[in-house]
Amino acid sequence: MIAKLTGEVIYRGVSFVIVECHDVGYQVMFPEEVVRGLSGTVSVFAHEVIRENERELFGFLSIDALELFWRLIRVSGVGPRSGQKIVFAASVREVRDHIMKGNIAFFKGISGIGMKTAQKIILELKGELTEAPVAGASIDPDALEALVGLGYPRKQSEEILAMIDAESSEERVTKALKMMGR
């Protein structure tokens, strides 16, 4: 399974790019708006779809986007093309927020996503995303509880703590408070 490619964009089509890696060209599917911005050397995360008569690579610009895509395509009625459209409709954080807030209008505004599919996405992923940690972050639980105890939202506290490198919980809380403006 191909999960990541790093190479030179040698061709841009309407909804794909060809990335050359070690003298092999890989066709990677992207929304049309994204294709326009891809050139030079790129690193893309990919999901490979193998069907009876074809293989496709769906590209993403971050591992967070790919992981969100994997969650979306597990929802009945969301295929790789629809899942990719959803991921690129906004930032990963914004898409997650729309799921958490139950914003059906956001999903209905995406081409190919109807009311039923939007409801399924929200219903099936809302609880799953609540417990999902920020990718690559190990959050100090003591520092997190201290910030929440001071009245900061849990989500904002997790995001700030994920960016902080410190020796102790106290030092993390101090740095977090400075970053939050207190």
N, C-alpha and C. Protein backbone atom coordinates (compact mmCIF):
# COMPACT_ATOMS: atom_id res chain seq x y z
N MET A 1 0.84 -1.19 0.00
CA MET A 1 0.00 0.00 0.00
C MET A 1 0.88 1.24 0.00
N ILE A 2 0.64 2.13 -0.91
CA ILE A 2 1.41 3.38 -1.00
C ILE A 2 0.78 4.38 -0.04
N ALA A 3 1.58 4.93 0.88
CA ALA A 3 1.06 5.88 1.87
C ALA A 3 1.69 7.26 1.77
N LYS A 4 2.89 7.36 1.19
CA LYS A 4 3.54 8.67 1.08
C LYS A 4 4.47 8.67 -0.13
N LEU A 5 4.48 9.78 -0.82
CA LEU A 5 5.36 9.97 -1.97
C LEU A 5 6.08 11.31 -1.84
N THR A 6 7.35 11.31 -2.16
CA THR A 6 8.10 12.56 -2.24
C THR A 6 8.79 12.57 -3.59
N GLY A 7 8.55 13.60 -4.36
CA GLY A 7 9.14 13.67 -5.68
C GLY A 7 8.78 14.97 -6.37
N GLU A 8 9.09 15.00 -7.64
CA GLU A 8 8.89 16.18 -8.47
C GLU A 8 7.55 16.10 -9.21
N VAL A 9 6.78 17.18 -9.19
CA VAL A 9 5.55 17.24 -9.98
C VAL A 9 5.98 17.47 -11.43
N ILE A 10 5.72 16.48 -12.28
CA ILE A 10 6.15 16.62 -13.68
C ILE A 10 4.98 16.92 -14.61
N TYR A 11 3.75 16.80 -14.10
CA TYR A 11 2.58 17.11 -14.92
C TYR A 11 1.39 17.42 -14.00
N ARG A 12 0.61 18.43 -14.41
CA ARG A 12 -0.62 18.76 -13.69
C ARG A 12 -1.79 18.61 -14.65
N GLY A 13 -2.72 17.72 -14.30
CA GLY A 13 -3.93 17.55 -15.09
C GLY A 13 -5.06 18.32 -14.44
N VAL A 14 -6.29 18.05 -14.85
CA VAL A 14 -7.44 18.76 -14.30
C VAL A 14 -7.65 18.40 -12.83
N SER A 15 -7.60 17.13 -12.49
CA SER A 15 -7.82 16.73 -11.09
C SER A 15 -6.77 15.73 -10.61
N PHE A 16 -5.57 15.87 -11.14
CA PHE A 16 -4.48 15.00 -10.71
C PHE A 16 -3.13 15.63 -11.03
N VAL A 17 -2.11 15.13 -10.36
CA VAL A 17 -0.74 15.48 -10.70
C VAL A 17 0.02 14.17 -10.91
N ILE A 18 1.09 14.24 -11.66
CA ILE A 18 1.98 13.09 -11.76
C ILE A 18 3.25 13.47 -11.00
N VAL A 19 3.54 12.67 -9.98
CA VAL A 19 4.71 12.88 -9.14
C VAL A 19 5.75 11.83 -9.52
N GLU A 20 6.93 12.30 -9.93
CA GLU A 20 7.99 11.37 -10.30
C GLU A 20 8.87 11.09 -9.08
N CYS A 21 8.95 9.81 -8.72
CA CYS A 21 9.77 9.35 -7.61
C CYS A 21 10.69 8.26 -8.13
N HIS A 22 11.98 8.52 -8.14
CA HIS A 22 12.96 7.52 -8.58
C HIS A 22 12.61 6.95 -9.96
N ASP A 23 12.38 7.83 -10.90
CA ASP A 23 12.10 7.48 -12.30
C ASP A 23 10.77 6.76 -12.52
N VAL A 24 9.87 6.80 -11.54
CA VAL A 24 8.53 6.24 -11.69
C VAL A 24 7.54 7.37 -11.48
N GLY A 25 6.58 7.51 -12.38
CA GLY A 25 5.57 8.56 -12.26
C GLY A 25 4.29 8.01 -11.64
N TYR A 26 3.82 8.64 -10.58
CA TYR A 26 2.59 8.22 -9.90
C TYR A 26 1.51 9.27 -10.14
N GLN A 27 0.36 8.83 -10.61
CA GLN A 27 -0.77 9.73 -10.80
C GLN A 27 -1.48 9.83 -9.44
N VAL A 28 -1.56 11.04 -8.91
CA VAL A 28 -2.17 11.26 -7.60
C VAL A 28 -3.36 12.21 -7.79
N MET A 29 -4.53 11.75 -7.37
CA MET A 29 -5.76 12.52 -7.52
C MET A 29 -5.84 13.61 -6.44
N PHE A 30 -6.21 14.82 -6.86
CA PHE A 30 -6.42 15.96 -5.97
C PHE A 30 -7.59 16.77 -6.52
N PRO A 31 -8.29 17.53 -5.67
CA PRO A 31 -9.29 18.46 -6.20
C PRO A 31 -8.61 19.48 -7.13
N GLU A 32 -9.34 19.95 -8.10
CA GLU A 32 -8.81 20.85 -9.14
C GLU A 32 -8.12 22.08 -8.55
N GLU A 33 -8.70 22.65 -7.49
CA GLU A 33 -8.13 23.86 -6.89
C GLU A 33 -6.76 23.59 -6.29
N VAL A 34 -6.57 22.39 -5.75
CA VAL A 34 -5.30 22.03 -5.12
C VAL A 34 -4.24 21.79 -6.18
N VAL A 35 -4.62 21.17 -7.29
CA VAL A 35 -3.68 20.85 -8.37
C VAL A 35 -2.97 22.11 -8.84
N ARG A 36 -3.70 23.21 -8.95
CA ARG A 36 -3.12 24.47 -9.43
C ARG A 36 -1.94 24.93 -8.58
N GLY A 37 -1.97 24.61 -7.29
CA GLY A 37 -0.93 25.08 -6.38
C GLY A 37 0.23 24.12 -6.20
N LEU A 38 0.18 22.96 -6.82
CA LEU A 38 1.25 21.97 -6.64
C LEU A 38 2.28 22.07 -7.77
N SER A 39 3.53 22.25 -7.38
CA SER A 39 4.61 22.27 -8.37
C SER A 39 5.92 22.01 -7.64
N GLY A 40 6.95 21.71 -8.40
CA GLY A 40 8.26 21.47 -7.80
C GLY A 40 8.28 20.17 -7.02
N THR A 41 9.12 20.12 -6.00
CA THR A 41 9.21 18.94 -5.16
C THR A 41 8.10 18.97 -4.12
N VAL A 42 7.39 17.86 -4.01
CA VAL A 42 6.28 17.77 -3.06
C VAL A 42 6.39 16.47 -2.27
N SER A 43 5.82 16.51 -1.08
CA SER A 43 5.60 15.29 -0.29
C SER A 43 4.11 15.19 -0.09
N VAL A 44 3.54 14.09 -0.53
CA VAL A 44 2.10 13.90 -0.39
C VAL A 44 1.82 12.59 0.31
N PHE A 45 0.79 12.61 1.15
CA PHE A 45 0.32 11.39 1.78
C PHE A 45 -0.77 10.85 0.87
N ALA A 46 -0.89 9.54 0.79
CA ALA A 46 -1.79 8.98 -0.20
C ALA A 46 -2.60 7.81 0.36
N HIS A 47 -3.77 7.65 -0.22
CA HIS A 47 -4.61 6.48 0.03
C HIS A 47 -4.77 5.78 -1.30
N GLU A 48 -4.39 4.53 -1.35
CA GLU A 48 -4.45 3.76 -2.58
C GLU A 48 -5.76 2.96 -2.62
N VAL A 49 -6.48 3.11 -3.71
CA VAL A 49 -7.71 2.35 -3.93
C VAL A 49 -7.45 1.37 -5.07
N ILE A 50 -7.65 0.10 -4.78
CA ILE A 50 -7.42 -0.94 -5.80
C ILE A 50 -8.77 -1.57 -6.11
N ARG A 51 -9.16 -1.44 -7.37
CA ARG A 51 -10.40 -2.05 -7.85
C ARG A 51 -10.05 -3.12 -8.87
N GLU A 52 -11.05 -3.82 -9.32
CA GLU A 52 -10.83 -4.91 -10.27
C GLU A 52 -10.06 -4.48 -11.50
N ASN A 53 -10.40 -3.30 -12.04
CA ASN A 53 -9.78 -2.89 -13.29
C ASN A 53 -9.00 -1.58 -13.21
N GLU A 54 -8.76 -1.06 -12.00
CA GLU A 54 -8.00 0.18 -11.88
C GLU A 54 -7.43 0.37 -10.48
N ARG A 55 -6.43 1.23 -10.42
CA ARG A 55 -5.81 1.62 -9.15
C ARG A 55 -5.76 3.14 -9.13
N GLU A 56 -6.06 3.73 -7.99
CA GLU A 56 -6.02 5.19 -7.87
C GLU A 56 -5.32 5.56 -6.57
N LEU A 57 -4.62 6.67 -6.61
CA LEU A 57 -4.01 7.25 -5.42
C LEU A 57 -4.70 8.58 -5.14
N PHE A 58 -5.26 8.72 -3.95
CA PHE A 58 -5.88 9.98 -3.55
C PHE A 58 -4.89 10.69 -2.64
N GLY A 59 -4.52 11.92 -3.00
CA GLY A 59 -3.48 12.63 -2.28
C GLY A 59 -3.98 13.60 -1.24
N PHE A 60 -3.13 13.81 -0.21
CA PHE A 60 -3.40 14.73 0.88
C PHE A 60 -2.10 15.42 1.26
N LEU A 61 -2.20 16.61 1.81
CA LEU A 61 -1.02 17.40 2.10
C LEU A 61 -0.50 17.22 3.52
N SER A 62 -1.24 16.51 4.37
CA SER A 62 -0.78 16.26 5.75
C SER A 62 -1.30 14.91 6.21
N ILE A 63 -0.66 14.37 7.21
CA ILE A 63 -1.10 13.10 7.77
C ILE A 63 -2.45 13.27 8.48
N ASP A 64 -2.69 14.44 9.07
CA ASP A 64 -3.99 14.71 9.71
C ASP A 64 -5.12 14.64 8.70
N ALA A 65 -4.88 15.20 7.50
CA ALA A 65 -5.90 15.16 6.45
C ALA A 65 -6.16 13.72 6.01
N LEU A 66 -5.10 12.93 5.88
CA LEU A 66 -5.26 11.53 5.49
C LEU A 66 -6.02 10.74 6.55
N GLU A 67 -5.71 10.98 7.82
CA GLU A 67 -6.42 10.27 8.89
C GLU A 67 -7.90 10.65 8.94
N LEU A 68 -8.21 11.93 8.71
CA LEU A 68 -9.61 12.35 8.66
C LEU A 68 -10.30 11.66 7.48
N PHE A 69 -9.64 11.60 6.34
CA PHE A 69 -10.16 10.92 5.16
C PHE A 69 -10.47 9.46 5.48
N TRP A 70 -9.56 8.76 6.17
CA TRP A 70 -9.78 7.36 6.53
C TRP A 70 -11.03 7.20 7.39
N ARG A 71 -11.25 8.14 8.29
CA ARG A 71 -12.46 8.09 9.13
C ARG A 71 -13.71 8.31 8.27
N LEU A 72 -13.62 9.27 7.36
CA LEU A 72 -14.79 9.60 6.53
C LEU A 72 -15.20 8.44 5.62
N ILE A 73 -14.23 7.75 5.01
CA ILE A 73 -14.61 6.69 4.06
C ILE A 73 -15.13 5.44 4.76
N ARG A 74 -15.02 5.38 6.07
CA ARG A 74 -15.65 4.27 6.81
C ARG A 74 -17.15 4.50 6.98
N VAL A 75 -17.60 5.73 6.75
CA VAL A 75 -19.02 6.06 6.84
C VAL A 75 -19.71 5.55 5.58
N SER A 76 -20.79 4.82 5.76
CA SER A 76 -21.55 4.29 4.63
C SER A 76 -22.02 5.44 3.74
N GLY A 77 -21.74 5.32 2.45
CA GLY A 77 -22.17 6.35 1.50
C GLY A 77 -21.08 7.36 1.16
N VAL A 78 -19.94 7.29 1.86
CA VAL A 78 -18.84 8.21 1.57
C VAL A 78 -17.72 7.41 0.90
N GLY A 79 -17.51 7.67 -0.38
CA GLY A 79 -16.44 7.01 -1.12
C GLY A 79 -15.19 7.86 -1.12
N PRO A 80 -14.14 7.39 -1.76
CA PRO A 80 -12.88 8.14 -1.78
C PRO A 80 -13.00 9.54 -2.39
N ARG A 81 -13.74 9.69 -3.48
CA ARG A 81 -13.87 11.01 -4.10
C ARG A 81 -14.61 11.98 -3.17
N SER A 82 -15.72 11.52 -2.60
CA SER A 82 -16.48 12.38 -1.68
C SER A 82 -15.67 12.69 -0.43
N GLY A 83 -15.00 11.69 0.09
CA GLY A 83 -14.17 11.89 1.29
C GLY A 83 -13.10 12.92 1.06
N GLN A 84 -12.45 12.85 -0.11
CA GLN A 84 -11.41 13.82 -0.42
C GLN A 84 -11.99 15.22 -0.57
N LYS A 85 -13.16 15.33 -1.20
CA LYS A 85 -13.81 16.64 -1.34
C LYS A 85 -14.08 17.26 0.03
N ILE A 86 -14.54 16.42 0.96
CA ILE A 86 -14.85 16.91 2.30
C ILE A 86 -13.58 17.40 2.99
N VAL A 87 -12.51 16.61 2.91
CA VAL A 87 -11.25 16.98 3.57
C VAL A 87 -10.71 18.30 3.04
N PHE A 88 -10.85 18.54 1.73
CA PHE A 88 -10.32 19.76 1.14
C PHE A 88 -11.32 20.92 1.14
N ALA A 89 -12.53 20.72 1.69
CA ALA A 89 -13.53 21.79 1.72
C ALA A 89 -13.15 22.90 2.69
N ALA A 90 -12.31 22.57 3.67
CA ALA A 90 -11.85 23.52 4.67
C ALA A 90 -10.60 22.92 5.31
N SER A 91 -10.04 23.59 6.30
CA SER A 91 -8.89 23.01 7.00
C SER A 91 -9.37 21.77 7.77
N VAL A 92 -8.44 20.89 8.10
CA VAL A 92 -8.80 19.67 8.84
C VAL A 92 -9.50 20.04 10.14
N ARG A 93 -8.97 21.02 10.84
CA ARG A 93 -9.56 21.44 12.11
C ARG A 93 -10.99 21.95 11.90
N GLU A 94 -11.20 22.73 10.84
CA GLU A 94 -12.55 23.26 10.57
C GLU A 94 -13.52 22.14 10.22
N VAL A 95 -13.09 21.16 9.43
CA VAL A 95 -13.98 20.04 9.09
C VAL A 95 -14.35 19.29 10.35
N ARG A 96 -13.36 19.04 11.20
CA ARG A 96 -13.62 18.36 12.48
C ARG A 96 -14.61 19.16 13.32
N ASP A 97 -14.42 20.49 13.35
CA ASP A 97 -15.33 21.35 14.11
C ASP A 97 -16.75 21.29 13.57
N HIS A 98 -16.90 21.26 12.24
CA HIS A 98 -18.23 21.16 11.64
C HIS A 98 -18.89 19.83 12.02
N ILE A 99 -18.10 18.78 12.10
CA ILE A 99 -18.65 17.48 12.52
C ILE A 99 -19.08 17.58 13.98
N MET A 100 -18.22 18.11 14.83
CA MET A 100 -18.50 18.20 16.27
C MET A 100 -19.73 19.07 16.56
N LYS A 101 -19.90 20.14 15.77
CA LYS A 101 -21.03 21.06 15.98
C LYS A 101 -22.30 20.58 15.29
N GLY A 102 -22.19 19.50 14.50
CA GLY A 102 -23.36 18.99 13.79
C GLY A 102 -23.83 19.89 12.67
N ASN A 103 -22.90 20.56 12.00
CA ASN A 103 -23.23 21.53 10.96
C ASN A 103 -23.55 20.83 9.63
N ILE A 104 -24.78 20.42 9.48
CA ILE A 104 -25.22 19.72 8.27
C ILE A 104 -25.10 20.61 7.03
N ALA A 105 -25.36 21.90 7.18
CA ALA A 105 -25.30 22.82 6.04
C ALA A 105 -23.91 22.83 5.40
N PHE A 106 -22.86 22.75 6.21
CA PHE A 106 -21.50 22.72 5.66
C PHE A 106 -21.33 21.53 4.72
N PHE A 107 -21.75 20.35 5.14
CA PHE A 107 -21.58 19.14 4.33
C PHE A 107 -22.48 19.15 3.10
N LYS A 108 -23.71 19.65 3.26
CA LYS A 108 -24.62 19.73 2.11
C LYS A 108 -24.09 20.69 1.05
N GLY A 109 -23.27 21.65 1.44
CA GLY A 109 -22.69 22.60 0.50
C GLY A 109 -21.57 22.01 -0.35
N ILE A 110 -21.17 20.79 -0.04
CA ILE A 110 -20.10 20.12 -0.79
C ILE A 110 -20.74 19.28 -1.89
N SER A 111 -20.29 19.47 -3.10
CA SER A 111 -20.83 18.75 -4.25
C SER A 111 -20.83 17.24 -4.01
N GLY A 112 -22.00 16.62 -4.20
CA GLY A 112 -22.12 15.17 -4.07
C GLY A 112 -22.51 14.69 -2.67
N ILE A 113 -22.63 15.61 -1.71
CA ILE A 113 -23.01 15.23 -0.35
C ILE A 113 -24.43 15.72 -0.10
N GLY A 114 -25.32 14.77 0.14
CA GLY A 114 -26.71 15.12 0.40
C GLY A 114 -27.02 15.12 1.89
N MET A 115 -28.28 15.35 2.21
CA MET A 115 -28.73 15.43 3.60
C MET A 115 -28.45 14.12 4.36
N LYS A 116 -28.80 13.00 3.75
CA LYS A 116 -28.64 11.71 4.42
C LYS A 116 -27.17 11.42 4.74
N THR A 117 -26.31 11.65 3.77
CA THR A 117 -24.88 11.40 3.97
C THR A 117 -24.31 12.35 5.02
N ALA A 118 -24.72 13.63 4.97
CA ALA A 118 -24.26 14.61 5.96
C ALA A 118 -24.65 14.16 7.37
N GLN A 119 -25.89 13.70 7.52
CA GLN A 119 -26.35 13.23 8.83
C GLN A 119 -25.55 12.01 9.30
N LYS A 120 -25.27 11.09 8.37
CA LYS A 120 -24.49 9.89 8.73
C LYS A 120 -23.09 10.26 9.19
N ILE A 121 -22.46 11.19 8.48
CA ILE A 121 -21.10 11.62 8.83
C ILE A 121 -21.09 12.16 10.25
N ILE A 122 -22.02 13.05 10.54
CA ILE A 122 -22.07 13.66 11.87
C ILE A 122 -22.39 12.62 12.94
N LEU A 123 -23.38 11.80 12.68
CA LEU A 123 -23.79 10.78 13.64
C LEU A 123 -22.66 9.79 13.95
N GLU A 124 -21.98 9.31 12.91
CA GLU A 124 -20.97 8.28 13.10
C GLU A 124 -19.63 8.81 13.58
N LEU A 125 -19.28 10.05 13.25
CA LEU A 125 -17.95 10.55 13.58
C LEU A 125 -17.90 11.49 14.78
N LYS A 126 -19.03 12.02 15.19
CA LYS A 126 -19.03 13.01 16.27
C LYS A 126 -18.38 12.44 17.54
N GLY A 127 -18.81 11.30 17.99
CA GLY A 127 -18.24 10.70 19.19
C GLY A 127 -16.81 10.24 19.00
N GLU A 128 -16.50 9.75 17.82
CA GLU A 128 -15.16 9.25 17.53
C GLU A 128 -14.14 10.39 17.55
N LEU A 129 -14.50 11.55 17.03
CA LEU A 129 -13.58 12.68 16.98
C LEU A 129 -13.41 13.33 18.34
N THR A 130 -14.38 13.19 19.23
CA THR A 130 -14.28 13.76 20.57
C THR A 130 -13.10 13.16 21.29
N GLU A 131 -12.90 11.86 21.09
CA GLU A 131 -11.84 11.15 21.81
C GLU A 131 -10.54 11.13 21.04
N ALA A 132 -10.53 11.61 19.81
CA ALA A 132 -9.32 11.54 18.99
C ALA A 132 -8.29 12.56 19.46
N PRO A 133 -7.08 12.12 19.76
CA PRO A 133 -6.04 13.06 20.16
C PRO A 133 -5.51 13.82 18.95
N VAL A 134 -4.87 14.92 19.20
CA VAL A 134 -4.22 15.67 18.14
C VAL A 134 -3.05 14.84 17.67
N ALA A 135 -2.92 14.64 16.37
CA ALA A 135 -1.89 13.75 15.82
C ALA A 135 -0.50 14.20 16.25
N GLY A 136 0.29 13.22 16.67
CA GLY A 136 1.67 13.48 17.01
C GLY A 136 1.88 14.19 18.34
N ALA A 137 0.84 14.44 19.08
CA ALA A 137 0.99 15.18 20.32
C ALA A 137 0.80 14.27 21.52
N SER A 138 1.70 14.41 22.47
CA SER A 138 1.50 13.74 23.75
C SER A 138 1.28 14.86 24.75
N ILE A 139 0.10 14.95 25.28
CA ILE A 139 -0.29 16.08 26.11
C ILE A 139 -0.13 15.70 27.58
N ASP A 140 0.48 16.58 28.33
CA ASP A 140 0.67 16.40 29.76
C ASP A 140 -0.70 16.53 30.45
N PRO A 141 -1.24 15.44 31.02
CA PRO A 141 -2.57 15.49 31.60
C PRO A 141 -2.68 16.46 32.79
N ASP A 142 -1.60 16.58 33.57
CA ASP A 142 -1.63 17.51 34.71
C ASP A 142 -1.71 18.96 34.24
N ALA A 143 -0.92 19.28 33.23
CA ALA A 143 -0.94 20.64 32.69
C ALA A 143 -2.30 20.93 32.06
N LEU A 144 -2.85 19.95 31.36
CA LEU A 144 -4.16 20.13 30.72
C LEU A 144 -5.24 20.40 31.77
N GLU A 145 -5.25 19.61 32.82
CA GLU A 145 -6.26 19.79 33.87
C GLU A 145 -6.08 21.14 34.57
N ALA A 146 -4.83 21.58 34.74
CA ALA A 146 -4.59 22.89 35.36
C ALA A 146 -5.18 24.00 34.51
N LEU A 147 -4.97 23.94 33.19
CA LEU A 147 -5.51 24.98 32.31
C LEU A 147 -7.03 24.95 32.27
N VAL A 148 -7.60 23.75 32.21
CA VAL A 148 -9.06 23.62 32.22
C VAL A 148 -9.61 24.16 33.54
N GLY A 149 -8.91 23.86 34.64
CA GLY A 149 -9.31 24.36 35.96
C GLY A 149 -9.28 25.88 36.05
N LEU A 150 -8.41 26.50 35.25
CA LEU A 150 -8.32 27.96 35.22
C LEU A 150 -9.37 28.59 34.31
N GLY A 151 -10.18 27.73 33.66
CA GLY A 151 -11.28 28.24 32.84
C GLY A 151 -11.04 28.23 31.34
N TYR A 152 -9.91 27.71 30.89
CA TYR A 152 -9.65 27.65 29.44
C TYR A 152 -10.35 26.43 28.84
N PRO A 153 -10.85 26.56 27.62
CA PRO A 153 -11.50 25.43 26.96
C PRO A 153 -10.49 24.27 26.77
N ARG A 154 -10.96 23.06 26.95
CA ARG A 154 -10.11 21.87 26.84
C ARG A 154 -9.43 21.80 25.47
N LYS A 155 -10.20 22.05 24.42
CA LYS A 155 -9.66 21.94 23.06
C LYS A 155 -8.52 22.94 22.84
N GLN A 156 -8.73 24.18 23.23
CA GLN A 156 -7.70 25.21 23.07
C GLN A 156 -6.48 24.86 23.90
N SER A 157 -6.69 24.36 25.09
CA SER A 157 -5.59 23.97 25.97
C SER A 157 -4.77 22.84 25.36
N GLU A 158 -5.45 21.85 24.78
CA GLU A 158 -4.75 20.73 24.14
C GLU A 158 -3.90 21.23 22.98
N GLU A 159 -4.46 22.13 22.17
CA GLU A 159 -3.73 22.65 21.02
C GLU A 159 -2.48 23.40 21.45
N ILE A 160 -2.61 24.24 22.47
CA ILE A 160 -1.46 25.02 22.95
C ILE A 160 -0.42 24.10 23.56
N LEU A 161 -0.84 23.16 24.40
CA LEU A 161 0.11 22.24 25.04
C LEU A 161 0.84 21.37 24.03
N ALA A 162 0.20 21.06 22.93
CA ALA A 162 0.85 20.24 21.90
C ALA A 162 2.04 20.97 21.28
N MET A 163 2.06 22.29 21.36
CA MET A 163 3.14 23.07 20.77
C MET A 163 4.27 23.35 21.75
N ILE A 164 4.09 23.00 23.03
CA ILE A 164 5.04 23.39 24.07
C ILE A 164 5.96 22.23 24.43
N ASP A 165 7.25 22.55 24.50
CA ASP A 165 8.24 21.58 24.96
C ASP A 165 8.80 22.12 26.27
N ALA A 166 8.61 21.38 27.37
CA ALA A 166 9.09 21.82 28.67
C ALA A 166 9.41 20.61 29.54
N GLU A 167 10.16 20.85 30.61
CA GLU A 167 10.60 19.78 31.51
C GLU A 167 9.51 19.34 32.49
N SER A 168 8.70 20.29 32.97
CA SER A 168 7.72 19.96 34.00
C SER A 168 6.33 20.47 33.63
N SER A 169 5.34 19.97 34.36
CA SER A 169 3.96 20.42 34.15
C SER A 169 3.83 21.90 34.46
N GLU A 170 4.48 22.34 35.53
CA GLU A 170 4.42 23.76 35.92
C GLU A 170 4.96 24.65 34.81
N GLU A 171 6.09 24.24 34.24
CA GLU A 171 6.70 25.01 33.16
C GLU A 171 5.79 25.05 31.94
N ARG A 172 5.12 23.93 31.64
CA ARG A 172 4.18 23.88 30.50
C ARG A 172 3.02 24.83 30.72
N VAL A 173 2.47 24.82 31.95
CA VAL A 173 1.33 25.70 32.26
C VAL A 173 1.76 27.16 32.14
N THR A 174 2.93 27.49 32.66
CA THR A 174 3.42 28.86 32.59
C THR A 174 3.57 29.32 31.14
N LYS A 175 4.19 28.47 30.31
CA LYS A 175 4.36 28.81 28.89
C LYS A 175 3.01 28.91 28.18
N ALA A 176 2.09 28.01 28.51
CA ALA A 176 0.76 28.02 27.90
C ALA A 176 0.03 29.31 28.24
N LEU A 177 0.09 29.71 29.49
CA LEU A 177 -0.57 30.95 29.92
C LEU A 177 -0.01 32.16 29.18
N LYS A 178 1.31 32.18 28.97
CA LYS A 178 1.93 33.28 28.22
C LYS A 178 1.41 33.29 26.78
N MET A 179 1.29 32.09 26.19
CA MET A 179 0.82 32.01 24.81
C MET A 179 -0.65 32.40 24.69
N MET A 180 -1.42 32.14 25.73
CA MET A 180 -2.85 32.46 25.69
C MET A 180 -3.11 33.90 26.10
N GLY A 181 -2.05 34.62 26.50
CA GLY A 181 -2.22 36.03 26.79
C GLY A 181 -2.51 36.37 28.24
N ARG A 182 -2.20 35.45 29.16
CA ARG A 182 -2.40 35.77 30.58
C ARG A 182 -1.10 35.85 31.29
